[in-house]
Amino acid sequence: MTTTTERLSMEIKSLSDLEKLRLVDAILTDLDKPDPELDHIWAEEARKRWEAYKSGHIPSASYHDVMEKYRR
């Protein structure tokens, strides 16, 4: 870890749980930025999967079957 990271890590230990949660939320919010390249990749993947489903190349499962699988 860098000196800054080590210093921050030590300071975080002195925070209350609520302050730590607020810090985590701030960090996650900062990291959750749109990425046009990833959006394009996922859009293309969704299109491919939709086309494969419509053409019968991938099977579908009913809601009931999926829920039953995870209830076991």
N, C-alpha and C. Protein backbone atom coordinates (compact mmCIF):
# COMPACT_ATOMS: atom_id res chain seq x y z
N MET A 1 0.83 -1.19 0.00
CA MET A 1 0.00 0.00 0.00
C MET A 1 0.88 1.25 0.00
N THR A 2 0.35 2.29 -0.59
CA THR A 2 1.07 3.56 -0.59
C THR A 2 0.93 4.22 0.77
N THR A 3 1.75 5.20 1.01
CA THR A 3 1.70 5.92 2.28
C THR A 3 0.32 6.53 2.50
N THR A 4 -0.24 7.12 1.46
CA THR A 4 -1.57 7.72 1.57
C THR A 4 -2.60 6.66 1.92
N THR A 5 -2.55 5.53 1.25
CA THR A 5 -3.50 4.45 1.52
C THR A 5 -3.34 3.92 2.93
N GLU A 6 -2.11 3.77 3.38
CA GLU A 6 -1.87 3.29 4.74
C GLU A 6 -2.40 4.29 5.77
N ARG A 7 -2.18 5.57 5.51
CA ARG A 7 -2.67 6.61 6.43
C ARG A 7 -4.19 6.60 6.48
N LEU A 8 -4.82 6.52 5.32
CA LEU A 8 -6.28 6.47 5.27
C LEU A 8 -6.82 5.23 5.98
N SER A 9 -6.16 4.11 5.78
CA SER A 9 -6.57 2.87 6.41
C SER A 9 -6.55 3.00 7.93
N MET A 10 -5.52 3.63 8.45
CA MET A 10 -5.42 3.84 9.90
C MET A 10 -6.53 4.78 10.39
N GLU A 11 -6.80 5.82 9.62
CA GLU A 11 -7.84 6.77 10.01
C GLU A 11 -9.22 6.12 9.97
N ILE A 12 -9.45 5.26 9.01
CA ILE A 12 -10.74 4.59 8.87
C ILE A 12 -11.05 3.76 10.11
N LYS A 13 -10.03 3.16 10.69
CA LYS A 13 -10.23 2.33 11.88
C LYS A 13 -10.81 3.12 13.05
N SER A 14 -10.60 4.42 13.06
CA SER A 14 -11.11 5.24 14.16
C SER A 14 -12.54 5.72 13.92
N LEU A 15 -13.08 5.49 12.74
CA LEU A 15 -14.44 5.94 12.42
C LEU A 15 -15.49 5.05 13.07
N SER A 16 -16.65 5.62 13.31
CA SER A 16 -17.78 4.81 13.79
C SER A 16 -18.29 3.95 12.63
N ASP A 17 -19.09 2.95 12.96
CA ASP A 17 -19.64 2.09 11.91
C ASP A 17 -20.45 2.90 10.90
N LEU A 18 -21.23 3.86 11.39
CA LEU A 18 -22.05 4.68 10.49
C LEU A 18 -21.16 5.52 9.56
N GLU A 19 -20.09 6.07 10.10
CA GLU A 19 -19.17 6.85 9.27
C GLU A 19 -18.49 5.96 8.23
N LYS A 20 -18.16 4.74 8.62
CA LYS A 20 -17.56 3.80 7.67
C LYS A 20 -18.53 3.47 6.55
N LEU A 21 -19.80 3.27 6.89
CA LEU A 21 -20.82 2.98 5.87
C LEU A 21 -20.97 4.16 4.91
N ARG A 22 -20.95 5.36 5.45
CA ARG A 22 -21.05 6.54 4.59
C ARG A 22 -19.84 6.65 3.66
N LEU A 23 -18.68 6.32 4.18
CA LEU A 23 -17.46 6.34 3.38
C LEU A 23 -17.52 5.30 2.26
N VAL A 24 -17.96 4.10 2.60
CA VAL A 24 -18.10 3.04 1.59
C VAL A 24 -19.08 3.48 0.52
N ASP A 25 -20.20 4.08 0.93
CA ASP A 25 -21.18 4.55 -0.04
C ASP A 25 -20.57 5.61 -0.96
N ALA A 26 -19.79 6.52 -0.39
CA ALA A 26 -19.16 7.57 -1.20
C ALA A 26 -18.16 6.96 -2.19
N ILE A 27 -17.41 5.98 -1.74
CA ILE A 27 -16.43 5.33 -2.63
C ILE A 27 -17.14 4.59 -3.75
N LEU A 28 -18.17 3.83 -3.41
CA LEU A 28 -18.90 3.08 -4.45
C LEU A 28 -19.58 4.01 -5.44
N THR A 29 -20.12 5.11 -4.94
CA THR A 29 -20.75 6.08 -5.83
C THR A 29 -19.72 6.66 -6.79
N ASP A 30 -18.52 6.93 -6.28
CA ASP A 30 -17.46 7.47 -7.12
C ASP A 30 -17.01 6.46 -8.18
N LEU A 31 -16.99 5.18 -7.83
CA LEU A 31 -16.54 4.15 -8.76
C LEU A 31 -17.60 3.78 -9.80
N ASP A 32 -18.86 4.03 -9.48
CA ASP A 32 -19.97 3.60 -10.35
C ASP A 32 -20.25 4.65 -11.42
N LYS A 33 -19.31 4.78 -12.33
CA LYS A 33 -19.47 5.74 -13.42
C LYS A 33 -19.78 4.98 -14.71
N PRO A 34 -20.62 5.57 -15.54
CA PRO A 34 -20.92 4.91 -16.82
C PRO A 34 -19.66 4.69 -17.64
N ASP A 35 -19.63 3.57 -18.31
CA ASP A 35 -18.51 3.26 -19.20
C ASP A 35 -19.11 2.91 -20.56
N PRO A 36 -19.06 3.83 -21.51
CA PRO A 36 -19.68 3.59 -22.81
C PRO A 36 -19.19 2.31 -23.49
N GLU A 37 -17.93 1.97 -23.32
CA GLU A 37 -17.40 0.76 -23.95
C GLU A 37 -18.06 -0.49 -23.34
N LEU A 38 -18.17 -0.53 -22.01
CA LEU A 38 -18.84 -1.68 -21.37
C LEU A 38 -20.31 -1.71 -21.72
N ASP A 39 -20.96 -0.55 -21.76
CA ASP A 39 -22.36 -0.50 -22.14
C ASP A 39 -22.56 -1.07 -23.54
N HIS A 40 -21.66 -0.74 -24.45
CA HIS A 40 -21.73 -1.26 -25.83
C HIS A 40 -21.56 -2.78 -25.84
N ILE A 41 -20.58 -3.27 -25.07
CA ILE A 41 -20.33 -4.72 -25.01
C ILE A 41 -21.55 -5.45 -24.48
N TRP A 42 -22.14 -4.94 -23.38
CA TRP A 42 -23.32 -5.60 -22.82
C TRP A 42 -24.53 -5.51 -23.75
N ALA A 43 -24.69 -4.39 -24.44
CA ALA A 43 -25.80 -4.26 -25.38
C ALA A 43 -25.65 -5.27 -26.51
N GLU A 44 -24.44 -5.44 -27.01
CA GLU A 44 -24.20 -6.42 -28.07
C GLU A 44 -24.46 -7.84 -27.57
N GLU A 45 -24.02 -8.14 -26.36
CA GLU A 45 -24.26 -9.47 -25.79
C GLU A 45 -25.76 -9.72 -25.63
N ALA A 46 -26.49 -8.73 -25.15
CA ALA A 46 -27.95 -8.87 -24.99
C ALA A 46 -28.61 -9.12 -26.35
N ARG A 47 -28.16 -8.39 -27.37
CA ARG A 47 -28.73 -8.58 -28.71
C ARG A 47 -28.47 -10.00 -29.21
N LYS A 48 -27.24 -10.49 -29.01
CA LYS A 48 -26.90 -11.85 -29.44
C LYS A 48 -27.74 -12.90 -28.72
N ARG A 49 -27.91 -12.71 -27.42
CA ARG A 49 -28.71 -13.67 -26.65
C ARG A 49 -30.17 -13.65 -27.07
N TRP A 50 -30.71 -12.45 -27.33
CA TRP A 50 -32.09 -12.32 -27.77
C TRP A 50 -32.28 -13.00 -29.12
N GLU A 51 -31.36 -12.78 -30.03
CA GLU A 51 -31.44 -13.42 -31.35
C GLU A 51 -31.34 -14.94 -31.22
N ALA A 52 -30.44 -15.43 -30.37
CA ALA A 52 -30.30 -16.87 -30.16
C ALA A 52 -31.57 -17.46 -29.57
N TYR A 53 -32.17 -16.74 -28.64
CA TYR A 53 -33.44 -17.21 -28.05
C TYR A 53 -34.54 -17.25 -29.10
N LYS A 54 -34.68 -16.17 -29.86
CA LYS A 54 -35.74 -16.12 -30.87
C LYS A 54 -35.57 -17.18 -31.94
N SER A 55 -34.33 -17.53 -32.27
CA SER A 55 -34.09 -18.52 -33.33
C SER A 55 -34.10 -19.95 -32.78
N GLY A 56 -34.31 -20.10 -31.48
CA GLY A 56 -34.40 -21.43 -30.89
C GLY A 56 -33.07 -22.09 -30.57
N HIS A 57 -31.99 -21.32 -30.58
CA HIS A 57 -30.67 -21.88 -30.30
C HIS A 57 -30.36 -21.99 -28.81
N ILE A 58 -31.12 -21.29 -27.99
CA ILE A 58 -30.95 -21.45 -26.54
C ILE A 58 -32.33 -21.69 -25.94
N PRO A 59 -32.39 -22.56 -24.95
CA PRO A 59 -33.69 -22.88 -24.35
C PRO A 59 -34.13 -21.79 -23.37
N SER A 60 -35.38 -21.82 -23.05
CA SER A 60 -35.91 -20.93 -22.03
C SER A 60 -36.43 -21.78 -20.88
N ALA A 61 -36.63 -21.15 -19.75
CA ALA A 61 -37.16 -21.84 -18.58
C ALA A 61 -38.28 -20.98 -18.00
N SER A 62 -39.30 -21.64 -17.52
CA SER A 62 -40.41 -20.89 -16.93
C SER A 62 -40.00 -20.33 -15.58
N TYR A 63 -40.69 -19.31 -15.16
CA TYR A 63 -40.45 -18.71 -13.85
C TYR A 63 -40.58 -19.77 -12.77
N HIS A 64 -41.60 -20.59 -12.87
CA HIS A 64 -41.85 -21.64 -11.88
C HIS A 64 -40.65 -22.59 -11.80
N ASP A 65 -40.11 -23.02 -12.92
CA ASP A 65 -38.97 -23.94 -12.93
C ASP A 65 -37.72 -23.30 -12.30
N VAL A 66 -37.49 -22.05 -12.61
CA VAL A 66 -36.33 -21.36 -12.04
C VAL A 66 -36.48 -21.24 -10.54
N MET A 67 -37.64 -20.82 -10.08
CA MET A 67 -37.86 -20.65 -8.64
C MET A 67 -37.78 -21.99 -7.91
N GLU A 68 -38.29 -23.02 -8.52
CA GLU A 68 -38.23 -24.36 -7.91
C GLU A 68 -36.79 -24.83 -7.75
N LYS A 69 -35.98 -24.55 -8.73
CA LYS A 69 -34.56 -24.93 -8.68
C LYS A 69 -33.86 -24.31 -7.47
N TYR A 70 -34.15 -23.05 -7.18
CA TYR A 70 -33.47 -22.35 -6.10
C TYR A 70 -34.14 -22.54 -4.74
N ARG A 71 -35.29 -23.12 -4.71
CA ARG A 71 -35.95 -23.41 -3.43
C ARG A 71 -35.43 -24.71 -2.82
N ARG A 72 -34.86 -25.56 -3.66
CA ARG A 72 -34.36 -26.85 -3.18
C ARG A 72 -33.15 -26.72 -2.31
